Amino acid sequence: MTKRIAVLTHFYPPEPCAAANRAASLVKALVGEGHDVTVVTNFASFPKAHLDSRDARCAYRFENIDGASIVRLFTLNVPGLPGARLYHWLVSALSASCFLLATQRRFDALVVTIPPITLALPALLGVGGIGQS
């Protein structure tokens, strides 16, 4: 039975890190099992801590990669600012929360990859939309 699954992750390719690779492998396996997968993530900024110029002023972008829908959302990176990483994580969590609350798309399951722990808030908000038509 096909399920609609949202995968909420802070790190996703093209970011070159283990967390992004794990999330991509999970998504590939879910798609391979025939599920309808939507990845909710922010624009890539790791490891340089800055956004690509085409993403810096973009609120969101929808992509389709290997059978999964990818939703890349607004975030801010302010290198040199004290607490810049935490600020980036909080802004990304706020963007994901807004998307999950505003989307009319409903999911059968929500999978959250952590770190960062700030994804707990959008995860809790997203659970409210699970299974509702």
Protein backbone atom coordinates (compact mmCIF):
# COMPACT_ATOMS: atom_id res chain seq x y z
CA MET A 1 0.00 0.00 0.00
CA THR A 2 1.43 3.35 -1.04
CA LYS A 3 1.93 5.84 1.79
CA ARG A 4 2.47 9.58 1.59
CA ILE A 5 5.60 10.19 3.65
CA ALA A 6 7.23 13.50 4.55
CA VAL A 7 10.93 13.39 5.43
CA LEU A 8 11.98 16.44 7.45
CA THR A 9 15.73 16.92 7.34
CA HIS A 10 18.16 19.79 7.74
CA PHE A 11 20.86 18.19 5.60
CA TYR A 12 20.12 16.86 2.12
CA PRO A 13 22.22 16.54 -1.05
CA PRO A 14 23.99 18.38 -2.58
CA GLU A 15 25.41 18.92 0.92
CA PRO A 16 28.47 16.68 1.26
CA CYS A 17 27.98 15.20 4.71
CA ALA A 18 27.00 11.92 6.31
CA ALA A 19 23.62 13.24 7.50
CA ALA A 20 22.67 14.24 3.94
CA ASN A 21 23.78 10.87 2.59
CA ARG A 22 21.76 9.01 5.24
CA ALA A 23 18.64 11.05 4.47
CA ALA A 24 19.06 10.51 0.71
CA SER A 25 19.50 6.74 1.22
CA LEU A 26 16.34 6.61 3.34
CA VAL A 27 14.38 8.55 0.71
CA LYS A 28 15.69 6.33 -2.09
CA ALA A 29 14.61 3.20 -0.16
CA LEU A 30 11.14 4.61 0.54
CA VAL A 31 10.64 5.60 -3.11
CA GLY A 32 11.93 2.18 -4.13
CA GLU A 33 9.18 0.59 -2.04
CA GLY A 34 6.62 2.62 -4.00
CA HIS A 35 5.87 5.36 -1.47
CA ASP A 36 5.07 8.98 -2.34
CA VAL A 37 7.92 10.84 -0.59
CA THR A 38 8.24 14.58 0.01
CA VAL A 39 11.52 15.85 1.49
CA VAL A 40 11.21 19.09 3.47
CA THR A 41 14.61 20.72 3.85
CA ASN A 42 16.36 24.08 3.67
CA PHE A 43 18.58 25.39 0.92
CA ALA A 44 22.02 23.79 0.97
CA SER A 45 24.67 25.72 2.87
CA PHE A 46 26.96 23.13 4.45
CA PRO A 47 29.98 23.14 4.83
CA LYS A 48 30.71 26.69 3.66
CA ALA A 49 28.03 28.26 5.90
CA HIS A 50 26.67 30.40 3.08
CA LEU A 51 23.95 30.00 0.50
CA ASP A 52 24.42 29.85 -3.23
CA SER A 53 23.64 33.26 -4.76
CA ARG A 54 20.53 31.91 -6.55
CA ASP A 55 19.13 30.63 -3.23
CA ALA A 56 19.95 33.60 -1.00
CA ARG A 57 16.80 35.55 -1.90
CA CYS A 58 14.53 32.61 -2.61
CA ALA A 59 11.67 31.66 -0.27
CA TYR A 60 11.27 28.13 -1.61
CA ARG A 61 11.95 25.84 -4.54
CA PHE A 62 10.28 22.59 -5.57
CA GLU A 63 12.36 19.89 -7.22
CA ASN A 64 11.91 16.27 -8.19
CA ILE A 65 14.95 14.09 -7.64
CA ASP A 66 14.93 10.33 -8.19
CA GLY A 67 11.16 10.08 -7.79
CA ALA A 68 10.92 12.16 -4.60
CA SER A 69 9.48 15.67 -4.30
CA ILE A 70 12.01 17.99 -2.67
CA VAL A 71 10.84 21.21 -1.01
CA ARG A 72 13.77 23.54 -0.27
CA LEU A 73 12.90 26.35 2.08
CA PHE A 74 14.22 29.75 3.09
CA THR A 75 17.00 29.97 5.63
CA LEU A 76 19.57 32.53 6.73
CA ASN A 77 23.26 32.12 7.28
CA VAL A 78 25.15 34.97 8.89
CA PRO A 79 28.78 33.84 9.18
CA GLY A 80 30.64 35.60 11.98
CA LEU A 81 27.51 36.31 14.00
CA PRO A 82 27.76 34.89 17.53
CA GLY A 83 25.48 31.86 17.58
CA ALA A 84 25.21 31.87 13.77
CA ARG A 85 24.73 28.11 13.53
CA LEU A 86 21.91 28.10 16.08
CA TYR A 87 20.29 31.08 14.34
CA HIS A 88 20.49 29.21 11.02
CA TRP A 89 18.92 26.11 12.58
CA LEU A 90 16.10 28.15 14.15
CA VAL A 91 15.26 29.98 10.93
CA SER A 92 15.25 26.68 9.04
CA ALA A 93 12.96 25.13 11.67
CA LEU A 94 10.61 28.11 11.42
CA SER A 95 10.47 27.77 7.62
CA ALA A 96 9.72 24.05 7.89
CA SER A 97 7.04 24.73 10.52
CA CYS A 98 5.36 27.31 8.29
CA PHE A 99 5.42 24.93 5.33
CA LEU A 100 3.97 22.01 7.30
CA LEU A 101 1.21 24.21 8.75
CA ALA A 102 0.36 25.90 5.44
CA THR A 103 0.54 23.00 3.01
CA GLN A 104 -2.70 21.38 1.96
CA ARG A 105 -0.79 18.17 1.41
CA ARG A 106 -1.40 15.60 4.13
CA PHE A 107 0.96 12.78 4.98
CA ASP A 108 0.50 9.30 6.39
CA ALA A 109 3.86 9.47 8.15
CA LEU A 110 6.48 12.05 9.10
CA VAL A 111 10.12 10.97 9.40
CA VAL A 112 12.48 13.43 11.07
CA THR A 113 16.26 13.27 10.92
CA ILE A 114 18.13 14.90 13.77
CA PRO A 115 20.53 16.76 14.23
CA PRO A 116 19.71 19.52 14.69
CA ILE A 117 17.32 19.25 17.63
CA THR A 118 15.52 22.37 16.40
CA LEU A 119 13.64 20.12 13.94
CA ALA A 120 11.62 18.84 16.90
CA LEU A 121 9.29 21.87 16.69
CA PRO A 122 8.25 21.44 13.04
CA ALA A 123 8.04 17.70 13.68
CA LEU A 124 5.51 18.26 16.46
CA LEU A 125 3.55 20.69 14.31
CA GLY A 126 3.65 18.35 11.34
CA VAL A 127 2.19 15.47 13.32
CA GLY A 128 -1.05 17.44 13.50
CA GLY A 129 -1.45 17.06 9.74
CA ILE A 130 -0.84 13.32 9.65
CA GLY A 131 -3.74 11.27 8.40
CA GLN A 132 -6.16 14.17 8.04
CA SER A 133 -7.85 14.63 4.68
